[in-house]
Protein backbone atom coordinates (compact mmCIF):
# COMPACT_ATOMS: atom_id res chain seq x y z
CA UNK A 1 0.00 0.00 0.00
CA UNK A 2 1.27 3.45 -0.91
CA UNK A 3 1.69 6.43 1.34
CA UNK A 4 -1.59 8.24 1.83
CA UNK A 5 -1.94 11.95 2.44
CA UNK A 6 -4.53 13.37 4.79
CA UNK A 7 -6.78 13.88 1.77
CA UNK A 8 -6.47 10.21 0.83
CA UNK A 9 -4.33 10.76 -2.28
CA UNK A 10 -1.70 8.12 -3.02
CA UNK A 11 1.56 10.07 -3.19
CA UNK A 12 3.47 6.88 -4.08
CA UNK A 13 1.49 6.53 -7.30
CA UNK A 14 2.14 10.16 -8.23
CA UNK A 15 5.86 9.67 -7.59
CA UNK A 16 5.83 6.59 -9.84
CA UNK A 17 4.07 8.51 -12.61
CA UNK A 18 6.56 11.38 -12.32
CA UNK A 19 9.51 8.99 -12.48
CA UNK A 20 8.05 7.14 -15.45
CA UNK A 21 7.67 10.40 -17.38
CA UNK A 22 11.15 11.73 -16.55
CA UNK A 23 13.20 8.52 -16.67
CA UNK A 24 11.38 6.64 -19.45
CA UNK A 25 8.77 8.49 -21.50
CA UNK A 26 10.66 11.73 -22.14
CA UNK A 27 14.05 10.12 -22.92
CA UNK A 28 12.30 7.63 -25.22
CA UNK A 29 10.44 10.44 -27.01
CA UNK A 30 13.70 12.36 -27.38
CA UNK A 31 15.44 9.30 -28.84
CA UNK A 32 12.59 8.75 -31.30
CA UNK A 33 12.52 12.40 -32.37
CA UNK A 34 16.29 12.60 -32.66
CA UNK A 35 16.45 16.40 -32.63
CA UNK A 36 15.46 17.49 -29.12
CA UNK A 37 18.02 19.69 -27.31
CA UNK A 38 18.09 17.31 -24.32
CA UNK A 39 17.77 13.54 -24.12
CA UNK A 40 18.91 12.32 -20.68
CA UNK A 41 16.62 11.71 -17.74
CA UNK A 42 18.53 14.05 -15.40
CA UNK A 43 18.14 16.87 -17.96
CA UNK A 44 14.40 16.30 -18.16
CA UNK A 45 14.20 16.26 -14.35
CA UNK A 46 16.09 19.60 -14.26
CA UNK A 47 13.77 21.20 -16.79
CA UNK A 48 10.57 19.90 -15.18
CA UNK A 49 11.60 20.90 -11.66
CA UNK A 50 13.02 24.28 -12.68
CA UNK A 51 9.78 24.99 -14.56
CA UNK A 52 7.75 23.89 -11.54
CA UNK A 53 9.59 26.30 -9.23
CA UNK A 54 10.23 29.02 -11.83
CA UNK A 55 13.88 28.95 -10.86
CA UNK A 56 16.71 26.59 -9.97
CA UNK A 57 14.94 23.71 -8.22
CA UNK A 58 17.56 23.10 -5.54
CA UNK A 59 17.03 26.65 -4.28
CA UNK A 60 13.52 25.48 -3.32
CA UNK A 61 14.02 21.89 -2.15
CA UNK A 62 16.05 20.54 0.73
CA UNK A 63 17.09 16.96 0.27
CA UNK A 64 17.27 14.40 -2.47
CA UNK A 65 15.85 12.75 -4.35
CA UNK A 66 14.00 15.92 -5.21
CA UNK A 67 10.77 14.25 -6.29
CA UNK A 68 10.39 12.73 -2.81
CA UNK A 69 10.34 16.26 -1.35
CA UNK A 70 7.44 17.42 -3.55
CA UNK A 71 3.92 17.89 -2.24
CA UNK A 72 0.91 16.28 -3.91
CA UNK A 73 0.17 19.54 -5.75
CA UNK A 74 3.78 19.94 -6.87
CA UNK A 75 3.91 16.35 -8.12
CA UNK A 76 0.71 16.86 -10.10
CA UNK A 77 2.07 20.04 -11.66
CA UNK A 78 5.42 18.37 -12.44
CA UNK A 79 3.56 15.55 -14.21
CA UNK A 80 1.54 18.12 -16.16
CA UNK A 81 4.77 19.84 -17.26
CA UNK A 82 6.25 16.52 -18.38
CA UNK A 83 3.04 15.61 -20.21
CA UNK A 84 3.05 18.96 -22.00
CA UNK A 85 6.62 18.29 -23.13
CA UNK A 86 5.55 14.87 -24.42
CA UNK A 87 2.48 16.23 -26.21
CA UNK A 88 4.07 19.35 -27.73
CA UNK A 89 7.48 17.86 -28.42
CA UNK A 90 10.54 19.79 -29.51
CA UNK A 91 9.15 23.37 -29.41
CA UNK A 92 8.09 23.09 -25.76
CA UNK A 93 11.20 21.15 -24.77
CA UNK A 94 13.40 23.83 -26.39
CA UNK A 95 11.52 26.67 -24.71
CA UNK A 96 11.51 25.12 -21.24
CA UNK A 97 15.14 23.99 -21.51
CA UNK A 98 16.25 27.46 -22.61
CA UNK A 99 14.39 29.03 -19.66
CA UNK A 100 15.92 26.53 -17.25
CA UNK A 101 19.41 27.35 -18.52
CA UNK A 102 18.72 31.09 -18.20
CA UNK A 103 17.77 30.61 -14.55
CA UNK A 104 21.12 28.88 -14.19
CA UNK A 105 23.01 31.66 -16.05
CA UNK A 106 24.10 29.34 -18.88
C-alpha atoms as a PDB file:
ATOM      1  CA  UNK A   1       0.000   0.000   0.000  1.00  0.00           C
ATOM      2  CA  UNK A   2       1.275   3.448  -0.911  1.00  0.00           C
ATOM      3  CA  UNK A   3       1.690   6.432   1.342  1.00  0.00           C
ATOM      4  CA  UNK A   4      -1.593   8.236   1.829  1.00  0.00           C
ATOM      5  CA  UNK A   5      -1.937  11.946   2.435  1.00  0.00           C
ATOM      6  CA  UNK A   6      -4.531  13.369   4.795  1.00  0.00           C
ATOM      7  CA  UNK A   7      -6.778  13.878   1.771  1.00  0.00           C
ATOM      8  CA  UNK A   8      -6.468  10.214   0.827  1.00  0.00           C
ATOM      9  CA  UNK A   9      -4.327  10.757  -2.281  1.00  0.00           C
ATOM     10  CA  UNK A  10      -1.702   8.123  -3.020  1.00  0.00           C
ATOM     11  CA  UNK A  11       1.560  10.068  -3.191  1.00  0.00           C
ATOM     12  CA  UNK A  12       3.469   6.882  -4.080  1.00  0.00           C
ATOM     13  CA  UNK A  13       1.494   6.525  -7.304  1.00  0.00           C
ATOM     14  CA  UNK A  14       2.137  10.161  -8.230  1.00  0.00           C
ATOM     15  CA  UNK A  15       5.859   9.668  -7.593  1.00  0.00           C
ATOM     16  CA  UNK A  16       5.834   6.591  -9.838  1.00  0.00           C
ATOM     17  CA  UNK A  17       4.073   8.510 -12.612  1.00  0.00           C
ATOM     18  CA  UNK A  18       6.562  11.385 -12.316  1.00  0.00           C
ATOM     19  CA  UNK A  19       9.515   8.990 -12.476  1.00  0.00           C
ATOM     20  CA  UNK A  20       8.049   7.142 -15.450  1.00  0.00           C
ATOM     21  CA  UNK A  21       7.672  10.403 -17.381  1.00  0.00           C
ATOM     22  CA  UNK A  22      11.147  11.729 -16.546  1.00  0.00           C
ATOM     23  CA  UNK A  23      13.195   8.519 -16.674  1.00  0.00           C
ATOM     24  CA  UNK A  24      11.383   6.635 -19.445  1.00  0.00           C
ATOM     25  CA  UNK A  25       8.768   8.492 -21.499  1.00  0.00           C
ATOM     26  CA  UNK A  26      10.660  11.733 -22.136  1.00  0.00           C
ATOM     27  CA  UNK A  27      14.054  10.117 -22.917  1.00  0.00           C
ATOM     28  CA  UNK A  28      12.297   7.628 -25.224  1.00  0.00           C
ATOM     29  CA  UNK A  29      10.435  10.436 -27.006  1.00  0.00           C
ATOM     30  CA  UNK A  30      13.700  12.358 -27.379  1.00  0.00           C
ATOM     31  CA  UNK A  31      15.435   9.304 -28.845  1.00  0.00           C
ATOM     32  CA  UNK A  32      12.587   8.754 -31.304  1.00  0.00           C
ATOM     33  CA  UNK A  33      12.516  12.398 -32.372  1.00  0.00           C
ATOM     34  CA  UNK A  34      16.287  12.600 -32.661  1.00  0.00           C
ATOM     35  CA  UNK A  35      16.446  16.404 -32.626  1.00  0.00           C
ATOM     36  CA  UNK A  36      15.463  17.493 -29.124  1.00  0.00           C
ATOM     37  CA  UNK A  37      18.022  19.693 -27.314  1.00  0.00           C
ATOM     38  CA  UNK A  38      18.093  17.307 -24.322  1.00  0.00           C
ATOM     39  CA  UNK A  39      17.768  13.539 -24.124  1.00  0.00           C
ATOM     40  CA  UNK A  40      18.914  12.318 -20.683  1.00  0.00           C
ATOM     41  CA  UNK A  41      16.622  11.707 -17.735  1.00  0.00           C
ATOM     42  CA  UNK A  42      18.534  14.047 -15.402  1.00  0.00           C
ATOM     43  CA  UNK A  43      18.138  16.870 -17.956  1.00  0.00           C
ATOM     44  CA  UNK A  44      14.399  16.300 -18.158  1.00  0.00           C
ATOM     45  CA  UNK A  45      14.196  16.262 -14.351  1.00  0.00           C
ATOM     46  CA  UNK A  46      16.085  19.595 -14.257  1.00  0.00           C
ATOM     47  CA  UNK A  47      13.770  21.203 -16.788  1.00  0.00           C
ATOM     48  CA  UNK A  48      10.572  19.896 -15.177  1.00  0.00           C
ATOM     49  CA  UNK A  49      11.598  20.896 -11.658  1.00  0.00           C
ATOM     50  CA  UNK A  50      13.019  24.284 -12.676  1.00  0.00           C
ATOM     51  CA  UNK A  51       9.780  24.987 -14.558  1.00  0.00           C
ATOM     52  CA  UNK A  52       7.750  23.892 -11.538  1.00  0.00           C
ATOM     53  CA  UNK A  53       9.590  26.301  -9.228  1.00  0.00           C
ATOM     54  CA  UNK A  54      10.228  29.017 -11.830  1.00  0.00           C
ATOM     55  CA  UNK A  55      13.881  28.949 -10.865  1.00  0.00           C
ATOM     56  CA  UNK A  56      16.713  26.590  -9.968  1.00  0.00           C
ATOM     57  CA  UNK A  57      14.939  23.715  -8.222  1.00  0.00           C
ATOM     58  CA  UNK A  58      17.565  23.096  -5.542  1.00  0.00           C
ATOM     59  CA  UNK A  59      17.031  26.651  -4.277  1.00  0.00           C
ATOM     60  CA  UNK A  60      13.516  25.476  -3.325  1.00  0.00           C
ATOM     61  CA  UNK A  61      14.019  21.887  -2.149  1.00  0.00           C
ATOM     62  CA  UNK A  62      16.053  20.542   0.731  1.00  0.00           C
ATOM     63  CA  UNK A  63      17.087  16.957   0.267  1.00  0.00           C
ATOM     64  CA  UNK A  64      17.268  14.397  -2.471  1.00  0.00           C
ATOM     65  CA  UNK A  65      15.851  12.751  -4.350  1.00  0.00           C
ATOM     66  CA  UNK A  66      14.001  15.924  -5.213  1.00  0.00           C
ATOM     67  CA  UNK A  67      10.766  14.252  -6.292  1.00  0.00           C
ATOM     68  CA  UNK A  68      10.391  12.731  -2.809  1.00  0.00           C
ATOM     69  CA  UNK A  69      10.344  16.263  -1.352  1.00  0.00           C
ATOM     70  CA  UNK A  70       7.436  17.422  -3.550  1.00  0.00           C
ATOM     71  CA  UNK A  71       3.920  17.893  -2.236  1.00  0.00           C
ATOM     72  CA  UNK A  72       0.910  16.279  -3.914  1.00  0.00           C
ATOM     73  CA  UNK A  73       0.174  19.537  -5.748  1.00  0.00           C
ATOM     74  CA  UNK A  74       3.780  19.936  -6.870  1.00  0.00           C
ATOM     75  CA  UNK A  75       3.905  16.350  -8.119  1.00  0.00           C
ATOM     76  CA  UNK A  76       0.710  16.856 -10.095  1.00  0.00           C
ATOM     77  CA  UNK A  77       2.067  20.043 -11.657  1.00  0.00           C
ATOM     78  CA  UNK A  78       5.417  18.374 -12.438  1.00  0.00           C
ATOM     79  CA  UNK A  79       3.561  15.549 -14.212  1.00  0.00           C
ATOM     80  CA  UNK A  80       1.540  18.120 -16.159  1.00  0.00           C
ATOM     81  CA  UNK A  81       4.765  19.845 -17.261  1.00  0.00           C
ATOM     82  CA  UNK A  82       6.253  16.515 -18.379  1.00  0.00           C
ATOM     83  CA  UNK A  83       3.036  15.610 -20.206  1.00  0.00           C
ATOM     84  CA  UNK A  84       3.050  18.963 -22.000  1.00  0.00           C
ATOM     85  CA  UNK A  85       6.618  18.293 -23.130  1.00  0.00           C
ATOM     86  CA  UNK A  86       5.551  14.873 -24.415  1.00  0.00           C
ATOM     87  CA  UNK A  87       2.483  16.232 -26.207  1.00  0.00           C
ATOM     88  CA  UNK A  88       4.068  19.348 -27.729  1.00  0.00           C
ATOM     89  CA  UNK A  89       7.484  17.861 -28.419  1.00  0.00           C
ATOM     90  CA  UNK A  90      10.540  19.791 -29.512  1.00  0.00           C
ATOM     91  CA  UNK A  91       9.150  23.372 -29.408  1.00  0.00           C
ATOM     92  CA  UNK A  92       8.094  23.093 -25.762  1.00  0.00           C
ATOM     93  CA  UNK A  93      11.203  21.147 -24.773  1.00  0.00           C
ATOM     94  CA  UNK A  94      13.396  23.829 -26.393  1.00  0.00           C
ATOM     95  CA  UNK A  95      11.520  26.673 -24.706  1.00  0.00           C
ATOM     96  CA  UNK A  96      11.511  25.120 -21.241  1.00  0.00           C
ATOM     97  CA  UNK A  97      15.138  23.991 -21.511  1.00  0.00           C
ATOM     98  CA  UNK A  98      16.249  27.462 -22.608  1.00  0.00           C
ATOM     99  CA  UNK A  99      14.388  29.035 -19.659  1.00  0.00           C
ATOM    100  CA  UNK A 100      15.921  26.534 -17.246  1.00  0.00           C
ATOM    101  CA  UNK A 101      19.407  27.348 -18.518  1.00  0.00           C
ATOM    102  CA  UNK A 102      18.716  31.090 -18.202  1.00  0.00           C
ATOM    103  CA  UNK A 103      17.766  30.612 -14.548  1.00  0.00           C
ATOM    104  CA  UNK A 104      21.125  28.881 -14.193  1.00  0.00           C
ATOM    105  CA  UNK A 105      23.008  31.661 -16.046  1.00  0.00           C
ATOM    106  CA  UNK A 106      24.100  29.343 -18.880  1.00  0.00           C
END
